[in-house]
C-alpha cells in the first residue's frame, strides 16, 4: 500500500516557461530607455568636415554687423543698445518697433536680439518678439545665458 500512496502524492513537473519576470524586466528597460533617450539625443557630437579658408581681399571684406539689442528690464521698461541711457516706457513701444522695422529695411543683414531680465514679465518679452516678427523683422532672436554648473 505504501508504494501506491507515494506515487499518487508525487507532483508532475511543469514544462512551461514563466514569462512574468521577462515582462517585468522588459517594462523596466522600456521606462529606462524612455527617460534616457532625450538626454542621449542632446549629447550627440558631430565631426564636421573642414573646408579651405578663403583669403578675403580688402575690397571684399565685410565688416561684421553689430546686433541691435533690446532689453526688457525687470520693471517692464525697455532699453536699446544704441541708447542705453534712455529708458523707454510701454507707451513708447510703437516708436521702438517702428525704429527696428526701419533699421531692418535699411540693413537687412543686421540681427536684432531681445534680452529679457529673469524677473521681467514674460508677456512683455513675447509681445515685443511677436510685434517685431509681424512687422516684417526676420532676424529677431531671443537672448539666453547658458546655465552655470
N, C-alpha and C. Protein backbone atom coordinates (compact mmCIF):
# COMPACT_ATOMS: atom_id res chain seq x y z
N UNK A 1 0.78 -1.19 0.00
CA UNK A 1 0.00 0.00 0.00
C UNK A 1 0.83 1.27 0.00
N UNK A 2 1.89 1.19 0.65
CA UNK A 2 2.72 2.38 0.71
C UNK A 2 3.22 2.80 -0.66
N UNK A 3 3.54 1.89 -1.50
CA UNK A 3 4.06 2.20 -2.82
C UNK A 3 3.05 2.94 -3.67
N UNK A 4 1.80 2.55 -3.56
CA UNK A 4 0.78 3.25 -4.34
C UNK A 4 0.55 4.67 -3.80
N UNK A 5 0.60 4.82 -2.53
CA UNK A 5 0.32 6.12 -1.92
C UNK A 5 1.40 7.14 -2.32
N UNK A 6 2.64 6.73 -2.37
CA UNK A 6 3.72 7.63 -2.72
C UNK A 6 3.63 8.10 -4.17
N UNK A 7 3.30 7.24 -5.04
CA UNK A 7 3.22 7.63 -6.45
C UNK A 7 2.05 8.56 -6.71
N UNK A 8 1.00 8.46 -5.91
CA UNK A 8 -0.15 9.34 -6.11
C UNK A 8 0.14 10.74 -5.57
N UNK A 9 0.97 10.87 -4.55
CA UNK A 9 1.25 12.18 -3.98
C UNK A 9 2.34 12.93 -4.74
N UNK A 10 3.02 12.28 -5.61
CA UNK A 10 4.06 12.92 -6.38
C UNK A 10 3.46 13.92 -7.37
N UNK A 11 4.06 15.13 -7.46
CA UNK A 11 3.56 16.12 -8.39
C UNK A 11 4.27 15.99 -9.71
N UNK A 12 3.55 16.29 -10.73
CA UNK A 12 4.14 16.28 -12.06
C UNK A 12 4.94 17.55 -12.29
N UNK A 13 6.03 17.50 -12.98
CA UNK A 13 6.83 18.67 -13.29
C UNK A 13 6.14 19.51 -14.35
N UNK A 14 6.23 20.83 -14.18
CA UNK A 14 5.61 21.73 -15.14
C UNK A 14 6.66 22.07 -16.19
N UNK A 15 6.32 21.95 -17.44
CA UNK A 15 7.29 22.20 -18.51
C UNK A 15 7.02 23.53 -19.22
N UNK A 16 6.31 24.47 -18.60
CA UNK A 16 6.04 25.77 -19.20
C UNK A 16 7.01 26.81 -18.64
N UNK A 17 7.33 27.81 -19.46
CA UNK A 17 8.22 28.89 -19.03
C UNK A 17 7.39 29.97 -18.38
N UNK A 18 7.86 30.45 -17.25
CA UNK A 18 7.19 31.55 -16.57
C UNK A 18 7.68 32.85 -17.20
N UNK A 19 6.81 33.55 -17.92
CA UNK A 19 7.20 34.75 -18.65
C UNK A 19 6.98 36.04 -17.87
N UNK A 20 6.41 35.99 -16.70
CA UNK A 20 6.13 37.20 -15.93
C UNK A 20 7.42 37.95 -15.59
N UNK A 21 8.50 37.31 -15.14
CA UNK A 21 9.73 38.07 -14.88
C UNK A 21 10.30 38.73 -16.13
N UNK A 22 10.17 38.08 -17.28
CA UNK A 22 10.67 38.67 -18.53
C UNK A 22 9.86 39.91 -18.91
N UNK A 23 8.57 39.88 -18.67
CA UNK A 23 7.74 41.05 -18.96
C UNK A 23 8.11 42.19 -18.03
N UNK A 24 8.35 41.89 -16.76
CA UNK A 24 8.75 42.92 -15.80
C UNK A 24 10.07 43.58 -16.21
N UNK A 25 11.04 42.77 -16.57
CA UNK A 25 12.34 43.30 -16.99
C UNK A 25 12.17 44.14 -18.26
N UNK A 26 11.37 43.69 -19.19
CA UNK A 26 11.15 44.43 -20.44
C UNK A 26 10.51 45.79 -20.17
N UNK A 27 9.53 45.84 -19.30
CA UNK A 27 8.89 47.11 -18.99
C UNK A 27 9.84 48.06 -18.27
N UNK A 28 10.67 47.54 -17.39
CA UNK A 28 11.64 48.39 -16.70
C UNK A 28 12.66 48.95 -17.70
N UNK A 29 13.13 48.12 -18.61
CA UNK A 29 14.06 48.60 -19.63
C UNK A 29 13.40 49.64 -20.53
N UNK A 30 12.15 49.45 -20.87
CA UNK A 30 11.43 50.42 -21.69
C UNK A 30 11.35 51.77 -20.99
N UNK A 31 11.06 51.76 -19.70
CA UNK A 31 10.99 53.01 -18.94
C UNK A 31 12.36 53.67 -18.89
N UNK A 32 13.41 52.90 -18.68
CA UNK A 32 14.76 53.46 -18.63
C UNK A 32 15.12 54.09 -19.97
N UNK A 33 14.82 53.41 -21.07
CA UNK A 33 15.13 53.96 -22.39
C UNK A 33 14.31 55.20 -22.70
N UNK A 34 13.07 55.25 -22.25
CA UNK A 34 12.25 56.43 -22.49
C UNK A 34 12.78 57.64 -21.73
N UNK A 35 13.35 57.42 -20.57
CA UNK A 35 13.89 58.52 -19.78
C UNK A 35 15.23 58.99 -20.34
N UNK A 36 16.08 58.07 -20.75
CA UNK A 36 17.42 58.43 -21.19
C UNK A 36 17.50 58.84 -22.65
N UNK A 37 16.51 58.55 -23.47
CA UNK A 37 16.57 58.88 -24.89
C UNK A 37 16.71 60.38 -25.15
N UNK A 38 15.93 61.25 -24.52
CA UNK A 38 16.13 62.68 -24.79
C UNK A 38 17.49 63.18 -24.34
N UNK A 39 18.04 62.63 -23.29
CA UNK A 39 19.35 63.05 -22.81
C UNK A 39 20.43 62.65 -23.81
N UNK A 40 20.34 61.47 -24.34
CA UNK A 40 21.33 60.98 -25.29
C UNK A 40 21.27 61.77 -26.58
N UNK A 41 20.09 62.18 -27.02
CA UNK A 41 19.96 62.92 -28.26
C UNK A 41 20.61 64.28 -28.17
N UNK A 42 20.61 64.91 -27.02
CA UNK A 42 21.21 66.22 -26.87
C UNK A 42 22.73 66.15 -26.79
N UNK A 43 23.28 65.02 -26.46
CA UNK A 43 24.71 64.90 -26.26
C UNK A 43 25.43 64.33 -27.48
N UNK A 44 24.82 64.44 -28.65
CA UNK A 44 25.44 63.91 -29.86
C UNK A 44 26.53 64.86 -30.33
N UNK A 45 27.71 64.32 -30.57
CA UNK A 45 28.80 65.13 -31.10
C UNK A 45 28.98 64.79 -32.57
N UNK A 46 29.27 65.80 -33.34
CA UNK A 46 29.42 65.63 -34.78
C UNK A 46 30.79 66.16 -35.18
N UNK A 47 31.49 65.39 -35.97
CA UNK A 47 32.77 65.81 -36.51
C UNK A 47 32.51 66.41 -37.88
N UNK A 48 32.48 67.74 -37.96
CA UNK A 48 32.14 68.42 -39.20
C UNK A 48 33.31 68.40 -40.17
N UNK A 49 33.01 68.36 -41.46
CA UNK A 49 34.10 68.41 -42.45
C UNK A 49 34.72 69.80 -42.49
N UNK A 50 35.97 69.83 -42.86
CA UNK A 50 36.68 71.10 -42.92
C UNK A 50 36.77 71.56 -44.37
N UNK A 51 36.74 72.86 -44.54
CA UNK A 51 36.88 73.45 -45.88
C UNK A 51 38.08 74.38 -45.86
N UNK A 52 38.69 74.59 -47.00
CA UNK A 52 39.83 75.51 -47.03
C UNK A 52 39.37 76.94 -46.76
N UNK A 53 40.27 77.70 -46.14
CA UNK A 53 39.96 79.09 -45.85
C UNK A 53 40.10 79.92 -47.12
N UNK A 54 39.20 80.86 -47.27
CA UNK A 54 39.25 81.77 -48.41
C UNK A 54 39.85 83.08 -47.94
N UNK A 55 40.89 83.51 -48.63
CA UNK A 55 41.51 84.77 -48.26
C UNK A 55 40.65 85.91 -48.80
N UNK A 56 40.27 86.79 -47.91
CA UNK A 56 39.42 87.90 -48.31
C UNK A 56 40.27 89.10 -48.69
N UNK A 57 39.91 89.72 -49.78
CA UNK A 57 40.58 90.94 -50.20
C UNK A 57 40.09 92.09 -49.33
N UNK A 58 40.83 93.14 -49.30
CA UNK A 58 40.43 94.30 -48.51
C UNK A 58 39.14 94.90 -49.07
N UNK A 59 38.96 94.80 -50.39
CA UNK A 59 37.77 95.39 -51.01
C UNK A 59 36.53 94.54 -50.74
N UNK A 60 36.71 93.21 -50.65
CA UNK A 60 35.55 92.34 -50.46
C UNK A 60 35.29 92.00 -49.01
N UNK A 61 36.20 92.41 -48.12
CA UNK A 61 36.00 92.10 -46.70
C UNK A 61 34.82 92.91 -46.17
N UNK A 62 33.92 92.22 -45.53
CA UNK A 62 32.76 92.91 -44.97
C UNK A 62 32.93 93.06 -43.48
N UNK A 63 32.52 94.17 -42.98
CA UNK A 63 32.57 94.41 -41.56
C UNK A 63 31.44 93.64 -40.90
N UNK A 64 31.70 92.98 -39.78
CA UNK A 64 30.59 92.30 -39.11
C UNK A 64 29.57 93.34 -38.62
N UNK A 65 28.33 93.03 -38.83
CA UNK A 65 27.27 93.96 -38.46
C UNK A 65 26.98 93.79 -36.97
N UNK A 66 27.02 94.91 -36.26
CA UNK A 66 26.76 94.87 -34.83
C UNK A 66 25.27 94.67 -34.59
N UNK A 67 24.90 93.73 -33.72
CA UNK A 67 23.47 93.48 -33.49
C UNK A 67 22.82 94.63 -32.72
N UNK A 68 21.55 94.79 -32.93
CA UNK A 68 20.74 95.77 -32.21
C UNK A 68 20.03 95.01 -31.10
N UNK A 69 20.33 95.35 -29.85
CA UNK A 69 19.81 94.61 -28.70
C UNK A 69 18.76 95.46 -27.99
N UNK A 70 17.60 94.84 -27.76
CA UNK A 70 16.54 95.48 -26.99
C UNK A 70 16.45 94.73 -25.66
N UNK A 71 16.53 95.46 -24.57
CA UNK A 71 16.49 94.86 -23.23
C UNK A 71 15.15 95.15 -22.58
N UNK A 72 14.51 94.11 -22.08
CA UNK A 72 13.29 94.26 -21.29
C UNK A 72 13.73 94.10 -19.83
N UNK A 73 13.63 95.20 -19.09
CA UNK A 73 14.11 95.19 -17.71
C UNK A 73 13.08 94.55 -16.77
N UNK A 74 13.48 94.31 -15.55
CA UNK A 74 12.63 93.63 -14.58
C UNK A 74 11.35 94.40 -14.29
N UNK A 75 11.39 95.71 -14.39
CA UNK A 75 10.20 96.51 -14.13
C UNK A 75 9.32 96.68 -15.36
N UNK A 76 9.67 96.04 -16.48
CA UNK A 76 8.84 96.08 -17.69
C UNK A 76 9.18 97.22 -18.63
N UNK A 77 10.22 98.00 -18.34
CA UNK A 77 10.65 99.08 -19.21
C UNK A 77 11.67 98.56 -20.22
N UNK A 78 11.95 99.34 -21.26
CA UNK A 78 12.80 98.91 -22.35
C UNK A 78 14.02 99.81 -22.47
N UNK A 79 15.13 99.20 -22.93
CA UNK A 79 16.36 99.92 -23.28
C UNK A 79 16.87 99.34 -24.59
N UNK A 80 17.65 100.13 -25.33
CA UNK A 80 18.26 99.64 -26.57
C UNK A 80 19.76 99.74 -26.46
N UNK A 81 20.45 99.00 -27.31
CA UNK A 81 21.91 99.04 -27.30
C UNK A 81 22.45 100.33 -27.92
N UNK A 82 21.64 101.01 -28.74
CA UNK A 82 22.09 102.26 -29.34
C UNK A 82 22.02 103.43 -28.35
N UNK A 83 21.00 103.43 -27.49
CA UNK A 83 20.83 104.47 -26.47
C UNK A 83 20.63 103.80 -25.12
N UNK A 84 21.69 103.27 -24.49
CA UNK A 84 21.50 102.54 -23.23
C UNK A 84 21.08 103.43 -22.06
N UNK A 85 21.25 104.75 -22.18
CA UNK A 85 20.87 105.64 -21.10
C UNK A 85 19.40 106.02 -21.14
N UNK A 86 18.76 105.82 -22.28
CA UNK A 86 17.35 106.20 -22.44
C UNK A 86 16.47 105.01 -22.07
N UNK A 87 15.55 105.23 -21.13
CA UNK A 87 14.62 104.20 -20.71
C UNK A 87 13.29 104.47 -21.40
N UNK A 88 12.76 103.44 -22.08
CA UNK A 88 11.51 103.58 -22.81
C UNK A 88 10.37 102.93 -22.03
N UNK A 89 9.27 103.63 -21.94
CA UNK A 89 8.08 103.12 -21.25
C UNK A 89 7.26 102.27 -22.22
N UNK A 90 6.30 101.50 -21.72
CA UNK A 90 5.45 100.70 -22.62
C UNK A 90 4.70 101.55 -23.65
N UNK A 91 4.46 102.84 -23.35
CA UNK A 91 3.80 103.70 -24.32
C UNK A 91 4.70 103.99 -25.53
N UNK A 92 6.02 103.88 -25.34
CA UNK A 92 6.98 104.14 -26.41
C UNK A 92 7.24 102.91 -27.27
N UNK A 93 6.52 101.83 -27.03
CA UNK A 93 6.78 100.57 -27.73
C UNK A 93 6.53 100.69 -29.23
N UNK A 94 5.51 101.43 -29.64
CA UNK A 94 5.24 101.57 -31.08
C UNK A 94 6.37 102.30 -31.78
N UNK A 95 6.93 103.31 -31.14
CA UNK A 95 8.07 104.01 -31.72
C UNK A 95 9.30 103.12 -31.81
N UNK A 96 9.50 102.29 -30.81
CA UNK A 96 10.62 101.36 -30.81
C UNK A 96 10.47 100.33 -31.93
N UNK A 97 9.27 99.80 -32.11
CA UNK A 97 9.02 98.84 -33.18
C UNK A 97 9.23 99.50 -34.53
N UNK A 98 8.77 100.74 -34.69
CA UNK A 98 8.96 101.45 -35.96
C UNK A 98 10.44 101.66 -36.24
N UNK A 99 11.22 101.97 -35.20
CA UNK A 99 12.66 102.15 -35.38
C UNK A 99 13.34 100.85 -35.81
N UNK A 100 12.95 99.75 -35.18
CA UNK A 100 13.56 98.46 -35.53
C UNK A 100 13.17 98.06 -36.95
N UNK A 101 11.92 98.29 -37.34
CA UNK A 101 11.48 97.96 -38.70
C UNK A 101 12.26 98.79 -39.71
N UNK A 102 12.47 100.07 -39.43
CA UNK A 102 13.25 100.92 -40.34
C UNK A 102 14.69 100.44 -40.43
N UNK A 103 15.28 100.07 -39.30
CA UNK A 103 16.66 99.56 -39.32
C UNK A 103 16.77 98.26 -40.12
N UNK A 104 15.75 97.39 -39.98
CA UNK A 104 15.79 96.12 -40.71
C UNK A 104 15.64 96.33 -42.21
N UNK A 105 14.94 97.38 -42.61
CA UNK A 105 14.80 97.66 -44.04
C UNK A 105 16.06 98.30 -44.60
N UNK A 106 16.74 99.13 -43.79
CA UNK A 106 17.98 99.75 -44.24
C UNK A 106 19.14 98.76 -44.28
N UNK A 107 19.21 97.91 -43.28
CA UNK A 107 20.27 96.89 -43.20
C UNK A 107 19.62 95.53 -43.01
N UNK A 108 19.28 94.82 -44.09
CA UNK A 108 18.59 93.53 -43.95
C UNK A 108 19.44 92.45 -43.27
N UNK A 109 20.76 92.63 -43.25
CA UNK A 109 21.62 91.61 -42.64
C UNK A 109 21.82 91.83 -41.14
N UNK A 110 21.33 92.94 -40.59
CA UNK A 110 21.53 93.24 -39.18
C UNK A 110 20.64 92.36 -38.31
N UNK A 111 21.23 91.68 -37.33
CA UNK A 111 20.42 90.88 -36.40
C UNK A 111 19.87 91.75 -35.27
N UNK A 112 18.71 91.35 -34.78
CA UNK A 112 18.07 92.03 -33.66
C UNK A 112 17.87 91.00 -32.55
N UNK A 113 18.27 91.37 -31.34
CA UNK A 113 18.16 90.47 -30.20
C UNK A 113 17.29 91.11 -29.12
N UNK A 114 16.49 90.28 -28.49
CA UNK A 114 15.70 90.71 -27.35
C UNK A 114 16.23 89.96 -26.13
N UNK A 115 16.68 90.71 -25.13
CA UNK A 115 17.13 90.07 -23.90
C UNK A 115 16.22 90.54 -22.78
N UNK A 116 15.63 89.57 -22.12
CA UNK A 116 14.72 89.87 -21.04
C UNK A 116 15.31 89.47 -19.70
N UNK A 117 15.16 90.33 -18.72
CA UNK A 117 15.59 90.02 -17.36
C UNK A 117 14.79 88.83 -16.84
N UNK A 118 15.37 88.06 -15.94
CA UNK A 118 14.66 86.90 -15.39
C UNK A 118 13.37 87.31 -14.68
N UNK A 119 13.39 88.48 -14.10
CA UNK A 119 12.22 88.96 -13.36
C UNK A 119 11.25 89.75 -14.24
N UNK A 120 11.62 89.96 -15.51
CA UNK A 120 10.75 90.71 -16.43
C UNK A 120 9.49 89.91 -16.71
N UNK A 121 8.37 90.60 -16.89
CA UNK A 121 7.14 89.89 -17.25
C UNK A 121 7.31 89.18 -18.60
N UNK A 122 7.03 87.90 -18.60
CA UNK A 122 7.21 87.08 -19.80
C UNK A 122 6.37 87.61 -20.96
N UNK A 123 5.20 88.09 -20.65
CA UNK A 123 4.31 88.61 -21.69
C UNK A 123 4.91 89.80 -22.42
N UNK A 124 5.68 90.64 -21.73
CA UNK A 124 6.31 91.80 -22.38
C UNK A 124 7.35 91.35 -23.40
N UNK A 125 8.13 90.34 -23.04
CA UNK A 125 9.17 89.84 -23.94
C UNK A 125 8.53 89.21 -25.18
N UNK A 126 7.55 88.36 -24.96
CA UNK A 126 6.90 87.67 -26.09
C UNK A 126 6.13 88.67 -26.95
N UNK A 127 5.49 89.64 -26.32
CA UNK A 127 4.75 90.66 -27.07
C UNK A 127 5.68 91.42 -28.00
N UNK A 128 6.84 91.84 -27.51
CA UNK A 128 7.82 92.54 -28.34
C UNK A 128 8.29 91.65 -29.48
N UNK A 129 8.58 90.40 -29.19
CA UNK A 129 9.03 89.46 -30.22
C UNK A 129 7.97 89.30 -31.32
N UNK A 130 6.72 89.12 -30.93
CA UNK A 130 5.64 88.93 -31.90
C UNK A 130 5.41 90.21 -32.70
N UNK A 131 5.49 91.36 -32.06
CA UNK A 131 5.32 92.63 -32.78
C UNK A 131 6.39 92.80 -33.86
N UNK A 132 7.62 92.49 -33.51
CA UNK A 132 8.70 92.63 -34.50
C UNK A 132 8.54 91.63 -35.64
N UNK A 133 8.21 90.38 -35.32
CA UNK A 133 8.03 89.37 -36.37
C UNK A 133 6.86 89.72 -37.29
N UNK A 134 5.76 90.20 -36.71
CA UNK A 134 4.58 90.50 -37.52
C UNK A 134 4.77 91.75 -38.37
N UNK A 135 5.74 92.59 -38.03
CA UNK A 135 6.03 93.78 -38.83
C UNK A 135 7.16 93.57 -39.82
N UNK A 136 7.54 92.31 -40.05
CA UNK A 136 8.50 92.02 -41.11
C UNK A 136 9.95 91.96 -40.70
N UNK A 137 10.25 91.97 -39.42
CA UNK A 137 11.65 91.85 -38.97
C UNK A 137 11.95 90.36 -38.86
N UNK A 138 12.75 89.85 -39.81
CA UNK A 138 13.01 88.41 -39.87
C UNK A 138 14.13 87.98 -38.94
N UNK A 139 15.13 88.80 -38.78
CA UNK A 139 16.30 88.39 -37.99
C UNK A 139 16.20 88.86 -36.55
N UNK A 140 15.13 88.44 -35.87
CA UNK A 140 14.97 88.77 -34.47
C UNK A 140 15.04 87.48 -33.67
N UNK A 141 15.80 87.50 -32.57
CA UNK A 141 16.01 86.31 -31.74
C UNK A 141 15.96 86.70 -30.27
N UNK A 142 15.71 85.69 -29.45
CA UNK A 142 15.73 85.89 -28.01
C UNK A 142 17.09 85.49 -27.47
N UNK A 143 17.64 86.30 -26.58
CA UNK A 143 18.95 86.01 -25.99
C UNK A 143 18.77 85.22 -24.70
N UNK A 144 19.62 84.22 -24.51
CA UNK A 144 19.64 83.47 -23.27
C UNK A 144 21.08 83.36 -22.79
N UNK A 145 21.22 82.92 -21.58
CA UNK A 145 22.54 82.71 -21.00
C UNK A 145 22.66 81.27 -20.58
N UNK A 146 23.75 80.59 -20.91
CA UNK A 146 23.88 79.20 -20.50
C UNK A 146 23.94 79.06 -18.99
N UNK A 147 23.42 77.94 -18.50
CA UNK A 147 23.42 77.69 -17.06
C UNK A 147 24.84 77.46 -16.56
N UNK A 148 25.07 77.89 -15.35
CA UNK A 148 26.37 77.65 -14.72
C UNK A 148 26.28 76.34 -13.96
N UNK A 149 27.30 75.51 -14.11
CA UNK A 149 27.30 74.20 -13.42
C UNK A 149 27.93 74.30 -12.09
